[in-house]
Amino acid sequence: KLCPDFTNLVEGTVPSYLDREKMGVCIVPNHQMLVKTSKAEADAYIPFFAKCVRVLVECGAFPFLLVHEQRNDGPLAEKIQQASGVDIPIVCESDPLKIKGILGACHATVGSRFHGLVSALSQGTPTLGTGWSHKYQMLFEDYGVADGLLAVTASEADITTALRDLLEPSKHAAYTIRLQERSLLLKEKSRQMWQDVASVLDV
């Protein structure tokens, strides 16, 4: 049987330090994109997110970087910030519940950490993603937003258009509703999966 990622059932906690007026769009980097992709994709990764930062700033969207794993993603976030030429906040958070809370509270997300994308999509947060495995494509298809996956080698024009569409009020609202509807269905599938597991284990 195929079931969705069961972490969609986990509730997040919004940390007190999150300033929603100054931290609008969460950018979640993943160092695996430098290791598990082609050279062309790895070389394009930091410039891709640097471009995202600049477009989001131009749109007045208040982007910030969220670091899941300090050892590798921390230096990567700093490189993205430097490449963008914009001094945006870098948030380092090790508590997975607070990470999920942040992703659920922000206006939108752009990222490439799989569970970060699950956390955003499952909470109805409009999201653009990029990834190194087929599981990213399957995730976005599960949530009915397959067009939300963007290649890091995309042109600047395509990146700009995708981000502006993500933020455009009517499209943002429709995207949120679509995700919320899909999330309800996928959460029910996760609950059924646990019932099936309990039944097989006879517990």
Protein backbone atom coordinates (compact mmCIF):
# COMPACT_ATOMS: atom_id res chain seq x y z
CA LYS A 1 0.00 0.00 0.00
CA LEU A 2 1.07 3.55 -0.70
CA CYS A 3 0.51 6.14 2.02
CA PRO A 4 1.49 9.79 2.45
CA ASP A 5 4.31 10.95 4.72
CA PHE A 6 2.84 10.41 8.19
CA THR A 7 4.49 13.52 9.66
CA ASN A 8 1.53 15.44 8.20
CA LEU A 9 -0.30 14.50 11.41
CA VAL A 10 2.24 16.20 13.69
CA GLU A 11 1.24 19.60 15.10
CA GLY A 12 3.84 22.36 15.09
CA THR A 13 4.57 25.04 17.67
CA VAL A 14 5.09 28.65 16.59
CA PRO A 15 8.13 30.05 18.47
CA SER A 16 7.73 33.37 20.27
CA TYR A 17 10.60 34.95 18.32
CA LEU A 18 8.83 34.65 14.94
CA ASP A 19 7.99 38.17 13.76
CA ARG A 20 5.37 37.60 11.07
CA GLU A 21 5.57 41.21 9.86
CA LYS A 22 9.29 40.97 9.16
CA MET A 23 9.53 37.23 8.36
CA GLY A 24 7.10 36.50 5.55
CA VAL A 25 8.50 33.92 3.12
CA CYS A 26 10.58 31.08 4.51
CA ILE A 27 13.50 29.81 2.41
CA VAL A 28 14.72 26.35 3.39
CA PRO A 29 18.04 25.24 1.85
CA ASN A 30 19.35 21.68 1.74
CA HIS A 31 23.05 20.84 1.33
CA GLN A 32 22.08 17.51 -0.25
CA MET A 33 21.27 19.48 -3.38
CA LEU A 34 25.00 20.09 -3.75
CA VAL A 35 25.83 16.40 -3.34
CA LYS A 36 23.08 14.37 -4.99
CA THR A 37 22.51 16.37 -8.17
CA SER A 38 24.42 16.87 -11.41
CA LYS A 39 27.28 19.38 -11.52
CA ALA A 40 25.10 21.78 -13.50
CA GLU A 41 22.36 21.62 -10.86
CA ALA A 42 24.80 21.88 -7.94
CA ASP A 43 26.45 24.92 -9.53
CA ALA A 44 23.05 26.54 -10.11
CA TYR A 45 21.73 25.91 -6.59
CA ILE A 46 23.10 28.91 -4.67
CA PRO A 47 22.44 31.35 -7.56
CA PHE A 48 18.87 29.98 -7.76
CA PHE A 49 18.11 30.80 -4.13
CA ALA A 50 20.00 34.09 -4.32
CA LYS A 51 17.71 35.09 -7.18
CA CYS A 52 14.67 33.99 -5.14
CA VAL A 53 15.82 36.21 -2.28
CA ARG A 54 16.21 39.25 -4.52
CA VAL A 55 12.82 38.78 -6.19
CA LEU A 56 11.08 38.30 -2.86
CA VAL A 57 12.72 41.43 -1.46
CA GLU A 58 11.64 43.38 -4.54
CA CYS A 59 8.09 42.13 -3.93
CA GLY A 60 8.20 43.29 -0.31
CA ALA A 61 7.70 39.70 0.87
CA PHE A 62 10.27 39.75 3.73
CA PRO A 63 12.16 36.51 3.01
CA PHE A 64 14.24 34.75 5.66
CA LEU A 65 16.38 31.63 5.69
CA LEU A 66 15.48 28.71 7.95
CA VAL A 67 18.27 26.29 8.84
CA HIS A 68 17.20 22.76 9.79
CA GLU A 69 20.65 21.36 10.33
CA GLN A 70 23.37 23.76 11.46
CA ARG A 71 26.47 21.77 10.47
CA ASN A 72 25.86 21.76 6.70
CA ASP A 73 22.83 23.92 6.03
CA GLY A 74 24.13 26.76 8.21
CA PRO A 75 27.14 27.58 5.99
CA LEU A 76 24.94 27.06 2.91
CA ALA A 77 22.43 29.62 4.18
CA GLU A 78 25.25 32.11 4.72
CA LYS A 79 26.49 31.56 1.16
CA ILE A 80 22.98 32.14 -0.21
CA GLN A 81 22.66 35.32 1.83
CA GLN A 82 26.04 36.57 0.59
CA ALA A 83 25.28 35.69 -3.04
CA SER A 84 21.96 37.53 -2.88
CA GLY A 85 23.60 40.73 -1.69
CA VAL A 86 20.75 41.19 0.80
CA ASP A 87 21.13 40.95 4.58
CA ILE A 88 18.04 38.83 5.29
CA PRO A 89 17.56 37.00 8.62
CA ILE A 90 18.94 33.50 9.10
CA VAL A 91 16.98 31.46 11.65
CA CYS A 92 18.67 28.37 13.10
CA GLU A 93 16.17 26.06 14.76
CA SER A 94 16.80 22.48 15.90
CA ASP A 95 13.35 21.75 17.37
CA PRO A 96 11.33 20.01 14.62
CA LEU A 97 8.03 21.12 16.17
CA LYS A 98 9.11 24.77 16.07
CA ILE A 99 10.35 24.33 12.51
CA LYS A 100 6.94 23.04 11.55
CA GLY A 101 5.30 25.89 13.43
CA ILE A 102 7.35 28.43 11.50
CA LEU A 103 6.51 26.82 8.16
CA GLY A 104 2.81 26.83 9.01
CA ALA A 105 2.82 30.46 10.17
CA CYS A 106 4.73 32.07 7.29
CA HIS A 107 3.06 33.51 4.19
CA ALA A 108 4.79 31.15 1.76
CA THR A 109 7.78 28.80 1.50
CA VAL A 110 10.51 28.13 -1.03
CA GLY A 111 12.63 25.13 -0.18
CA SER A 112 14.30 21.84 -0.95
CA ARG A 113 14.27 19.94 2.33
CA PHE A 114 11.73 17.17 1.89
CA HIS A 115 10.20 17.23 5.36
CA GLY A 116 10.23 21.01 5.35
CA LEU A 117 8.12 20.88 2.19
CA VAL A 118 5.80 18.29 3.77
CA SER A 119 5.39 20.55 6.80
CA ALA A 120 4.54 23.56 4.66
CA LEU A 121 2.19 21.82 2.22
CA SER A 122 0.34 19.87 4.93
CA GLN A 123 -0.46 23.14 6.72
CA GLY A 124 -1.76 24.90 3.62
CA THR A 125 1.27 27.14 3.12
CA PRO A 126 1.74 28.01 -0.59
CA THR A 127 5.06 26.48 -1.54
CA LEU A 128 7.62 26.31 -4.32
CA GLY A 129 10.04 23.43 -4.12
CA THR A 130 13.09 22.04 -5.82
CA GLY A 131 14.59 18.63 -5.16
CA TRP A 132 17.01 15.89 -6.12
CA SER A 133 14.73 12.82 -6.01
CA HIS A 134 11.49 11.57 -7.54
CA LYS A 135 9.94 11.75 -4.06
CA TYR A 136 9.70 15.54 -4.40
CA GLN A 137 7.63 15.18 -7.56
CA MET A 138 5.39 12.60 -5.91
CA LEU A 139 4.91 14.87 -2.89
CA PHE A 140 3.75 17.83 -4.95
CA GLU A 141 1.49 15.57 -7.01
CA ASP A 142 -0.07 14.23 -3.78
CA TYR A 143 -1.01 17.78 -2.84
CA GLY A 144 -2.34 18.58 -6.31
CA VAL A 145 0.28 21.22 -7.03
CA ALA A 146 2.71 19.49 -9.38
CA ASP A 147 3.50 22.84 -11.00
CA GLY A 148 4.94 24.01 -7.67
CA LEU A 149 8.17 22.14 -8.35
CA LEU A 150 10.83 24.27 -10.05
CA ALA A 151 14.22 23.28 -11.48
CA VAL A 152 17.23 25.12 -10.06
CA THR A 153 18.39 25.55 -13.64
CA ALA A 154 15.21 27.46 -14.55
CA SER A 155 15.66 30.83 -16.22
CA GLU A 156 15.53 34.02 -14.17
CA ALA A 157 12.30 34.92 -15.98
CA ASP A 158 10.68 31.61 -14.97
CA ILE A 159 11.86 31.97 -11.35
CA THR A 160 10.51 35.51 -11.17
CA THR A 161 7.16 34.51 -12.66
CA ALA A 162 6.78 31.54 -10.32
CA LEU A 163 7.50 33.65 -7.24
CA ARG A 164 5.22 36.50 -8.30
CA ASP A 165 2.42 34.00 -8.97
CA LEU A 166 3.01 32.47 -5.54
CA LEU A 167 2.49 35.87 -3.92
CA GLU A 168 -0.31 37.26 -6.10
CA PRO A 169 -3.26 37.55 -3.65
CA SER A 170 -5.95 35.70 -5.60
CA LYS A 171 -3.59 32.90 -6.66
CA HIS A 172 -2.16 32.67 -3.15
CA ALA A 173 -5.66 32.29 -1.70
CA ALA A 174 -6.65 29.63 -4.24
CA TYR A 175 -3.38 27.77 -3.63
CA THR A 176 -4.00 27.79 0.13
CA ILE A 177 -7.52 26.40 -0.24
CA ARG A 178 -6.34 23.66 -2.61
CA LEU A 179 -3.62 22.61 -0.18
CA GLN A 180 -5.96 22.62 2.81
CA GLU A 181 -8.44 20.39 0.98
CA ARG A 182 -5.75 17.94 -0.09
CA SER A 183 -4.23 17.99 3.38
CA LEU A 184 -7.48 16.80 4.94
CA LEU A 185 -7.58 13.83 2.56
CA LEU A 186 -3.93 12.94 3.08
CA LYS A 187 -4.19 13.18 6.86
CA GLU A 188 -7.11 10.77 6.75
CA LYS A 189 -4.98 8.36 4.69
CA SER A 190 -2.23 8.61 7.31
CA ARG A 191 -4.70 7.81 10.10
CA GLN A 192 -5.97 4.83 8.14
CA MET A 193 -2.40 3.66 7.64
CA TRP A 194 -1.79 3.63 11.39
CA GLN A 195 -5.06 1.72 11.89
CA ASP A 196 -3.91 -0.83 9.32
CA VAL A 197 -0.52 -1.15 11.05
CA ALA A 198 -2.22 -1.66 14.42
CA SER A 199 -4.51 -4.26 12.89
CA VAL A 200 -1.62 -6.24 11.38
CA LEU A 201 0.29 -6.11 14.66
CA ASP A 202 -2.90 -6.97 16.55
CA VAL A 203 -2.47 -4.17 19.08
